[in-house]
Amino acid sequence: VGVAVGRGRTLESAAAKATALAVRDEVGSPTTPPDPS
């Protein structure tokens, strides 16, 4: 994410994309909704 920021992305944008990727991988697929509880 620091490299992405150094190349012009905002920290907020790059961190949000990386977090979304981690969460997507954690729940199994991009279409599997996270557990609301």
PDB file of all heavy atoms in Angstrom:
ATOM      1  N   VAL A   1       0.845  -1.196   0.000  1.00  0.00           N
ATOM      2  CA  VAL A   1       0.000   0.000   0.000  1.00  0.00           C
ATOM      3  C   VAL A   1       0.882   1.249   0.000  1.00  0.00           C
ATOM      4  O   VAL A   1       0.587   2.231  -0.689  1.00  0.00           O
ATOM      5  CB  VAL A   1      -0.989  -0.024   1.183  1.00  0.00           C
ATOM      6  CG1 VAL A   1      -1.618   1.342   1.421  1.00  0.00           C
ATOM      7  CG2 VAL A   1      -2.073  -1.062   0.933  1.00  0.00           C
ATOM      8  N   GLY A   2       1.982   1.217   0.734  1.00  0.00           N
ATOM      9  CA  GLY A   2       2.918   2.338   0.725  1.00  0.00           C
ATOM     10  C   GLY A   2       3.501   2.586  -0.658  1.00  0.00           C
ATOM     11  O   GLY A   2       3.656   3.738  -1.081  1.00  0.00           O
ATOM     12  N   VAL A   3       3.805   1.528  -1.380  1.00  0.00           N
ATOM     13  CA  VAL A   3       4.290   1.672  -2.760  1.00  0.00           C
ATOM     14  C   VAL A   3       3.207   2.319  -3.618  1.00  0.00           C
ATOM     15  O   VAL A   3       3.483   3.237  -4.398  1.00  0.00           O
ATOM     16  CB  VAL A   3       4.731   0.312  -3.340  1.00  0.00           C
ATOM     17  CG1 VAL A   3       4.999   0.409  -4.838  1.00  0.00           C
ATOM     18  CG2 VAL A   3       5.966  -0.206  -2.608  1.00  0.00           C
ATOM     19  N   ALA A   4       1.967   1.856  -3.454  1.00  0.00           N
ATOM     20  CA  ALA A   4       0.866   2.434  -4.228  1.00  0.00           C
ATOM     21  C   ALA A   4       0.703   3.921  -3.919  1.00  0.00           C
ATOM     22  O   ALA A   4       0.485   4.737  -4.820  1.00  0.00           O
ATOM     23  CB  ALA A   4      -0.436   1.681  -3.941  1.00  0.00           C
ATOM     24  N   VAL A   5       0.841   4.292  -2.653  1.00  0.00           N
ATOM     25  CA  VAL A   5       0.750   5.708  -2.263  1.00  0.00           C
ATOM     26  C   VAL A   5       1.908   6.478  -2.895  1.00  0.00           C
ATOM     27  O   VAL A   5       1.719   7.585  -3.413  1.00  0.00           O
ATOM     28  CB  VAL A   5       0.729   5.859  -0.727  1.00  0.00           C
ATOM     29  CG1 VAL A   5       0.892   7.309  -0.316  1.00  0.00           C
ATOM     30  CG2 VAL A   5      -0.560   5.270  -0.159  1.00  0.00           C
ATOM     31  N   GLY A   6       3.085   5.896  -2.885  1.00  0.00           N
ATOM     32  CA  GLY A   6       4.236   6.546  -3.502  1.00  0.00           C
ATOM     33  C   GLY A   6       4.071   6.747  -4.997  1.00  0.00           C
ATOM     34  O   GLY A   6       4.679   7.638  -5.591  1.00  0.00           O
ATOM     35  N   ARG A   7       3.222   5.923  -5.600  1.00  0.00           N
ATOM     36  CA  ARG A   7       2.970   6.036  -7.035  1.00  0.00           C
ATOM     37  C   ARG A   7       1.722   6.843  -7.355  1.00  0.00           C
ATOM     38  O   ARG A   7       1.270   6.847  -8.490  1.00  0.00           O
ATOM     39  CB  ARG A   7       2.872   4.641  -7.655  1.00  0.00           C
ATOM     40  CG  ARG A   7       4.212   3.931  -7.618  1.00  0.00           C
ATOM     41  CD  ARG A   7       4.178   2.601  -8.294  1.00  0.00           C
ATOM     42  NE  ARG A   7       5.509   2.001  -8.280  1.00  0.00           N
ATOM     43  CZ  ARG A   7       5.765   0.804  -8.747  1.00  0.00           C
ATOM     44  NH1 ARG A   7       4.802   0.060  -9.262  1.00  0.00           N
ATOM     45  NH2 ARG A   7       6.997   0.333  -8.700  1.00  0.00           N
ATOM     46  N   GLY A   8       1.152   7.497  -6.340  1.00  0.00           N
ATOM     47  CA  GLY A   8       0.084   8.442  -6.606  1.00  0.00           C
ATOM     48  C   GLY A   8      -1.288   8.143  -6.041  1.00  0.00           C
ATOM     49  O   GLY A   8      -2.156   9.003  -6.079  1.00  0.00           O
ATOM     50  N   ARG A   9      -1.537   6.959  -5.542  1.00  0.00           N
ATOM     51  CA  ARG A   9      -2.838   6.680  -4.924  1.00  0.00           C
ATOM     52  C   ARG A   9      -2.914   7.370  -3.568  1.00  0.00           C
ATOM     53  O   ARG A   9      -1.896   7.610  -2.937  1.00  0.00           O
ATOM     54  CB  ARG A   9      -3.033   5.183  -4.708  1.00  0.00           C
ATOM     55  CG  ARG A   9      -3.338   4.426  -5.944  1.00  0.00           C
ATOM     56  CD  ARG A   9      -3.899   3.065  -5.555  1.00  0.00           C
ATOM     57  NE  ARG A   9      -4.124   2.271  -6.723  1.00  0.00           N
ATOM     58  CZ  ARG A   9      -5.320   2.102  -7.272  1.00  0.00           C
ATOM     59  NH1 ARG A   9      -6.380   2.643  -6.730  1.00  0.00           N
ATOM     60  NH2 ARG A   9      -5.449   1.370  -8.351  1.00  0.00           N
ATOM     61  N   THR A  10      -4.123   7.603  -3.111  1.00  0.00           N
ATOM     62  CA  THR A  10      -4.265   8.110  -1.750  1.00  0.00           C
ATOM     63  C   THR A  10      -4.160   6.922  -0.800  1.00  0.00           C
ATOM     64  O   THR A  10      -4.469   5.783  -1.170  1.00  0.00           O
ATOM     65  CB  THR A  10      -5.612   8.810  -1.533  1.00  0.00           C
ATOM     66  OG1 THR A  10      -6.664   7.845  -1.649  1.00  0.00           O
ATOM     67  CG2 THR A  10      -5.811   9.962  -2.507  1.00  0.00           C
ATOM     68  N   LEU A  11      -3.736   7.187   0.404  1.00  0.00           N
ATOM     69  CA  LEU A  11      -3.659   6.136   1.412  1.00  0.00           C
ATOM     70  C   LEU A  11      -5.030   5.518   1.638  1.00  0.00           C
ATOM     71  O   LEU A  11      -5.168   4.295   1.712  1.00  0.00           O
ATOM     72  CB  LEU A  11      -3.097   6.682   2.726  1.00  0.00           C
ATOM     73  CG  LEU A  11      -3.086   5.705   3.909  1.00  0.00           C
ATOM     74  CD1 LEU A  11      -2.253   4.465   3.593  1.00  0.00           C
ATOM     75  CD2 LEU A  11      -2.585   6.404   5.157  1.00  0.00           C
ATOM     76  N   GLU A  12      -6.047   6.358   1.747  1.00  0.00           N
ATOM     77  CA  GLU A  12      -7.398   5.866   1.996  1.00  0.00           C
ATOM     78  C   GLU A  12      -7.855   4.916   0.904  1.00  0.00           C
ATOM     79  O   GLU A  12      -8.412   3.847   1.178  1.00  0.00           O
ATOM     80  CB  GLU A  12      -8.381   7.040   2.130  1.00  0.00           C
ATOM     81  CG  GLU A  12      -8.140   7.903   3.343  1.00  0.00           C
ATOM     82  CD  GLU A  12      -7.032   8.953   3.161  1.00  0.00           C
ATOM     83  OE1 GLU A  12      -6.386   9.015   2.083  1.00  0.00           O
ATOM     84  OE2 GLU A  12      -6.794   9.710   4.118  1.00  0.00           O
ATOM     85  N   SER A  13      -7.633   5.281  -0.352  1.00  0.00           N
ATOM     86  CA  SER A  13      -8.054   4.459  -1.483  1.00  0.00           C
ATOM     87  C   SER A  13      -7.291   3.138  -1.534  1.00  0.00           C
ATOM     88  O   SER A  13      -7.880   2.063  -1.694  1.00  0.00           O
ATOM     89  CB  SER A  13      -7.845   5.231  -2.789  1.00  0.00           C
ATOM     90  OG  SER A  13      -8.006   4.383  -3.908  1.00  0.00           O
ATOM     91  N   ALA A  14      -5.981   3.211  -1.405  1.00  0.00           N
ATOM     92  CA  ALA A  14      -5.161   1.996  -1.478  1.00  0.00           C
ATOM     93  C   ALA A  14      -5.463   1.062  -0.306  1.00  0.00           C
ATOM     94  O   ALA A  14      -5.580  -0.159  -0.486  1.00  0.00           O
ATOM     95  CB  ALA A  14      -3.677   2.364  -1.496  1.00  0.00           C
ATOM     96  N   ALA A  15      -5.614   1.608   0.897  1.00  0.00           N
ATOM     97  CA  ALA A  15      -5.923   0.780   2.068  1.00  0.00           C
ATOM     98  C   ALA A  15      -7.295   0.144   1.924  1.00  0.00           C
ATOM     99  O   ALA A  15      -7.491  -1.028   2.265  1.00  0.00           O
ATOM    100  CB  ALA A  15      -5.841   1.612   3.344  1.00  0.00           C
ATOM    101  N   ALA A  16      -8.268   0.896   1.411  1.00  0.00           N
ATOM    102  CA  ALA A  16      -9.617   0.351   1.226  1.00  0.00           C
ATOM    103  C   ALA A  16      -9.608  -0.800   0.222  1.00  0.00           C
ATOM    104  O   ALA A  16     -10.261  -1.828   0.439  1.00  0.00           O
ATOM    105  CB  ALA A  16     -10.569   1.454   0.770  1.00  0.00           C
ATOM    106  N   LYS A  17      -8.866  -0.646  -0.867  1.00  0.00           N
ATOM    107  CA  LYS A  17      -8.788  -1.725  -1.864  1.00  0.00           C
ATOM    108  C   LYS A  17      -8.130  -2.975  -1.280  1.00  0.00           C
ATOM    109  O   LYS A  17      -8.595  -4.090  -1.495  1.00  0.00           O
ATOM    110  CB  LYS A  17      -8.031  -1.259  -3.109  1.00  0.00           C
ATOM    111  CG  LYS A  17      -8.832  -0.349  -4.000  1.00  0.00           C
ATOM    112  CD  LYS A  17      -8.021   0.014  -5.233  1.00  0.00           C
ATOM    113  CE  LYS A  17      -8.850   0.802  -6.204  1.00  0.00           C
ATOM    114  NZ  LYS A  17      -9.686  -0.033  -7.044  1.00  0.00           N
ATOM    115  N   ALA A  18      -7.050  -2.787  -0.538  1.00  0.00           N
ATOM    116  CA  ALA A  18      -6.358  -3.932   0.060  1.00  0.00           C
ATOM    117  C   ALA A  18      -7.226  -4.615   1.108  1.00  0.00           C
ATOM    118  O   ALA A  18      -7.276  -5.846   1.188  1.00  0.00           O
ATOM    119  CB  ALA A  18      -5.023  -3.493   0.659  1.00  0.00           C
ATOM    120  N   THR A  19      -7.928  -3.823   1.919  1.00  0.00           N
ATOM    121  CA  THR A  19      -8.820  -4.391   2.928  1.00  0.00           C
ATOM    122  C   THR A  19      -9.957  -5.148   2.270  1.00  0.00           C
ATOM    123  O   THR A  19     -10.304  -6.252   2.690  1.00  0.00           O
ATOM    124  CB  THR A  19      -9.365  -3.290   3.861  1.00  0.00           C
ATOM    125  OG1 THR A  19      -8.266  -2.696   4.544  1.00  0.00           O
ATOM    126  CG2 THR A  19     -10.350  -3.843   4.870  1.00  0.00           C
ATOM    127  N   ALA A  20     -10.539  -4.580   1.214  1.00  0.00           N
ATOM    128  CA  ALA A  20     -11.625  -5.257   0.500  1.00  0.00           C
ATOM    129  C   ALA A  20     -11.144  -6.587  -0.074  1.00  0.00           C
ATOM    130  O   ALA A  20     -11.863  -7.591  -0.022  1.00  0.00           O
ATOM    131  CB  ALA A  20     -12.170  -4.356  -0.607  1.00  0.00           C
ATOM    132  N   LEU A  21      -9.937  -6.615  -0.584  1.00  0.00           N
ATOM    133  CA  LEU A  21      -9.377  -7.857  -1.107  1.00  0.00           C
ATOM    134  C   LEU A  21      -9.207  -8.885   0.002  1.00  0.00           C
ATOM    135  O   LEU A  21      -9.576 -10.055  -0.153  1.00  0.00           O
ATOM    136  CB  LEU A  21      -8.031  -7.578  -1.782  1.00  0.00           C
ATOM    137  CG  LEU A  21      -7.307  -8.783  -2.367  1.00  0.00           C
ATOM    138  CD1 LEU A  21      -8.132  -9.418  -3.481  1.00  0.00           C
ATOM    139  CD2 LEU A  21      -5.941  -8.365  -2.878  1.00  0.00           C
ATOM    140  N   ALA A  22      -8.690  -8.463   1.135  1.00  0.00           N
ATOM    141  CA  ALA A  22      -8.500  -9.388   2.265  1.00  0.00           C
ATOM    142  C   ALA A  22      -9.836  -9.917   2.757  1.00  0.00           C
ATOM    143  O   ALA A  22      -9.982 -11.117   3.002  1.00  0.00           O
ATOM    144  CB  ALA A  22      -7.759  -8.683   3.407  1.00  0.00           C
ATOM    145  N   VAL A  23     -10.819  -9.050   2.888  1.00  0.00           N
ATOM    146  CA  VAL A  23     -12.138  -9.473   3.370  1.00  0.00           C
ATOM    147  C   VAL A  23     -12.787 -10.405   2.360  1.00  0.00           C
ATOM    148  O   VAL A  23     -13.381 -11.422   2.730  1.00  0.00           O
ATOM    149  CB  VAL A  23     -13.027  -8.246   3.660  1.00  0.00           C
ATOM    150  CG1 VAL A  23     -14.452  -8.649   3.961  1.00  0.00           C
ATOM    151  CG2 VAL A  23     -12.455  -7.452   4.814  1.00  0.00           C
ATOM    152  N   ARG A  24     -12.676 -10.089   1.094  1.00  0.00           N
ATOM    153  CA  ARG A  24     -13.251 -10.945   0.047  1.00  0.00           C
ATOM    154  C   ARG A  24     -12.634 -12.335   0.106  1.00  0.00           C
ATOM    155  O   ARG A  24     -13.331 -13.335   0.068  1.00  0.00           O
ATOM    156  CB  ARG A  24     -13.019 -10.333  -1.329  1.00  0.00           C
ATOM    157  CG  ARG A  24     -13.651 -11.174  -2.453  1.00  0.00           C
ATOM    158  CD  ARG A  24     -13.286 -10.680  -3.809  1.00  0.00           C
ATOM    159  NE  ARG A  24     -11.904 -11.081  -4.066  1.00  0.00           N
ATOM    160  CZ  ARG A  24     -11.120 -10.497  -4.950  1.00  0.00           C
ATOM    161  NH1 ARG A  24     -11.530  -9.456  -5.620  1.00  0.00           N
ATOM    162  NH2 ARG A  24      -9.894 -10.928  -5.145  1.00  0.00           N
ATOM    163  N   ASP A  25     -11.313 -12.392   0.249  1.00  0.00           N
ATOM    164  CA  ASP A  25     -10.646 -13.686   0.322  1.00  0.00           C
ATOM    165  C   ASP A  25     -11.011 -14.426   1.595  1.00  0.00           C
ATOM    166  O   ASP A  25     -11.114 -15.641   1.607  1.00  0.00           O
ATOM    167  CB  ASP A  25      -9.126 -13.518   0.235  1.00  0.00           C
ATOM    168  CG  ASP A  25      -8.671 -13.154  -1.171  1.00  0.00           C
ATOM    169  OD1 ASP A  25      -9.489 -13.239  -2.111  1.00  0.00           O
ATOM    170  OD2 ASP A  25      -7.496 -12.785  -1.315  1.00  0.00           O
ATOM    171  N   GLU A  26     -11.238 -13.694   2.685  1.00  0.00           N
ATOM    172  CA  GLU A  26     -11.577 -14.330   3.958  1.00  0.00           C
ATOM    173  C   GLU A  26     -12.942 -14.997   3.908  1.00  0.00           C
ATOM    174  O   GLU A  26     -13.115 -16.099   4.405  1.00  0.00           O
ATOM    175  CB  GLU A  26     -11.559 -13.307   5.089  1.00  0.00           C
ATOM    176  CG  GLU A  26     -11.883 -13.933   6.435  1.00  0.00           C
ATOM    177  CD  GLU A  26     -11.950 -12.918   7.543  1.00  0.00           C
ATOM    178  OE1 GLU A  26     -12.546 -11.851   7.346  1.00  0.00           O
ATOM    179  OE2 GLU A  26     -11.395 -13.202   8.612  1.00  0.00           O
ATOM    180  N   VAL A  27     -13.932 -14.367   3.282  1.00  0.00           N
ATOM    181  CA  VAL A  27     -15.264 -14.946   3.248  1.00  0.00           C
ATOM    182  C   VAL A  27     -15.416 -15.961   2.132  1.00  0.00           C
ATOM    183  O   VAL A  27     -16.420 -16.625   2.041  1.00  0.00           O
ATOM    184  CB  VAL A  27     -16.380 -13.868   3.146  1.00  0.00           C
ATOM    185  CG1 VAL A  27     -16.468 -13.065   4.410  1.00  0.00           C
ATOM    186  CG2 VAL A  27     -16.216 -12.999   1.946  1.00  0.00           C
ATOM    187  N   GLY A  28     -14.426 -16.095   1.278  1.00  0.00           N
ATOM    188  CA  GLY A  28     -14.430 -17.164   0.302  1.00  0.00           C
ATOM    189  C   GLY A  28     -14.612 -16.738  -1.130  1.00  0.00           C
ATOM    190  O   GLY A  28     -14.073 -17.357  -2.018  1.00  0.00           O
ATOM    191  N   SER A  29     -15.387 -15.710  -1.384  1.00  0.00           N
ATOM    192  CA  SER A  29     -15.568 -15.245  -2.752  1.00  0.00           C
ATOM    193  C   SER A  29     -16.161 -13.852  -2.724  1.00  0.00           C
ATOM    194  O   SER A  29     -16.747 -13.442  -1.726  1.00  0.00           O
ATOM    195  CB  SER A  29     -16.480 -16.194  -3.533  1.00  0.00           C
ATOM    196  OG  SER A  29     -17.830 -15.982  -3.160  1.00  0.00           O
ATOM    197  N   PRO A  30     -16.052 -13.140  -3.845  1.00  0.00           N
ATOM    198  CA  PRO A  30     -16.583 -11.788  -3.852  1.00  0.00           C
ATOM    199  C   PRO A  30     -18.103 -11.746  -3.736  1.00  0.00           C
ATOM    200  O   PRO A  30     -18.672 -10.723  -3.425  1.00  0.00           O
ATOM    201  CB  PRO A  30     -16.115 -11.202  -5.181  1.00  0.00           C
ATOM    202  CG  PRO A  30     -15.568 -12.313  -5.973  1.00  0.00           C
ATOM    203  CD  PRO A  30     -15.345 -13.473  -5.052  1.00  0.00           C
ATOM    204  N   THR A  31     -18.794 -12.856  -3.962  1.00  0.00           N
ATOM    205  CA  THR A  31     -20.251 -12.858  -3.906  1.00  0.00           C
ATOM    206  C   THR A  31     -20.783 -13.383  -2.585  1.00  0.00           C
ATOM    207  O   THR A  31     -21.975 -13.345  -2.349  1.00  0.00           O
ATOM    208  CB  THR A  31     -20.827 -13.696  -5.055  1.00  0.00           C
ATOM    209  OG1 THR A  31     -20.315 -15.026  -4.949  1.00  0.00           O
ATOM    210  CG2 THR A  31     -20.463 -13.112  -6.398  1.00  0.00           C
ATOM    211  N   THR A  32     -19.925 -13.895  -1.723  1.00  0.00           N
ATOM    212  CA  THR A  32     -20.371 -14.396  -0.433  1.00  0.00           C
ATOM    213  C   THR A  32     -20.446 -13.234   0.543  1.00  0.00           C
ATOM    214  O   THR A  32     -19.437 -12.608   0.834  1.00  0.00           O
ATOM    215  CB  THR A  32     -19.374 -15.447   0.124  1.00  0.00           C
ATOM    216  OG1 THR A  32     -19.223 -16.479  -0.836  1.00  0.00           O
ATOM    217  CG2 THR A  32     -19.874 -16.013   1.434  1.00  0.00           C
ATOM    218  N   PRO A  33     -21.648 -12.941   1.063  1.00  0.00           N
ATOM    219  CA  PRO A  33     -21.736 -11.814   1.993  1.00  0.00           C
ATOM    220  C   PRO A  33     -21.090 -12.157   3.323  1.00  0.00           C
ATOM    221  O   PRO A  33     -21.094 -13.303   3.743  1.00  0.00           O
ATOM    222  CB  PRO A  33     -23.252 -11.599   2.148  1.00  0.00           C
ATOM    223  CG  PRO A  33     -23.855 -12.911   1.810  1.00  0.00           C
ATOM    224  CD  PRO A  33     -22.920 -13.572   0.830  1.00  0.00           C
ATOM    225  N   PRO A  34     -20.529 -11.164   3.993  1.00  0.00           N
ATOM    226  CA  PRO A  34     -19.939 -11.426   5.301  1.00  0.00           C
ATOM    227  C   PRO A  34     -21.020 -11.739   6.321  1.00  0.00           C
ATOM    228  O   PRO A  34     -22.179 -11.367   6.157  1.00  0.00           O
ATOM    229  CB  PRO A  34     -19.213 -10.128   5.647  1.00  0.00           C
ATOM    230  CG  PRO A  34     -19.836  -9.098   4.780  1.00  0.00           C
ATOM    231  CD  PRO A  34     -20.376  -9.800   3.564  1.00  0.00           C
ATOM    232  N   ASP A  35     -20.645 -12.426   7.378  1.00  0.00           N
ATOM    233  CA  ASP A  35     -21.549 -12.761   8.472  1.00  0.00           C
ATOM    234  C   ASP A  35     -21.949 -11.479   9.186  1.00  0.00           C
ATOM    235  O   ASP A  35     -21.097 -10.787   9.740  1.00  0.00           O
ATOM    236  CB  ASP A  35     -20.834 -13.720   9.434  1.00  0.00           C
ATOM    237  CG  ASP A  35     -21.672 -14.097  10.635  1.00  0.00           C
ATOM    238  OD1 ASP A  35     -22.834 -13.627  10.741  1.00  0.00           O
ATOM    239  OD2 ASP A  35     -21.162 -14.865  11.462  1.00  0.00           O
ATOM    240  N   PRO A  36     -23.246 -11.125   9.198  1.00  0.00           N
ATOM    241  CA  PRO A  36     -23.646  -9.859   9.822  1.00  0.00           C
ATOM    242  C   PRO A  36     -23.425  -9.832  11.333  1.00  0.00           C
ATOM    243  O   PRO A  36     -23.354  -8.757  11.924  1.00  0.00           O
ATOM    244  CB  PRO A  36     -25.133  -9.738   9.483  1.00  0.00           C
ATOM    245  CG  PRO A  36     -25.571 -11.093   9.085  1.00  0.00           C
ATOM    246  CD  PRO A  36     -24.359 -11.838   8.622  1.00  0.00           C
ATOM    247  N   SER A  37     -23.297 -10.991  11.956  1.00  0.00           N
ATOM    248  CA  SER A  37     -23.084 -10.999  13.402  1.00  0.00           C
ATOM    249  C   SER A  37     -21.606 -10.857  13.765  1.00  0.00           C
ATOM    250  O   SER A  37     -21.268 -10.645  14.919  1.00  0.00           O
ATOM    251  CB  SER A  37     -23.627 -12.289  14.013  1.00  0.00           C
ATOM    252  OG  SER A  37     -22.902 -13.402  13.535  1.00  0.00           O
TER     253      SER A  37
END
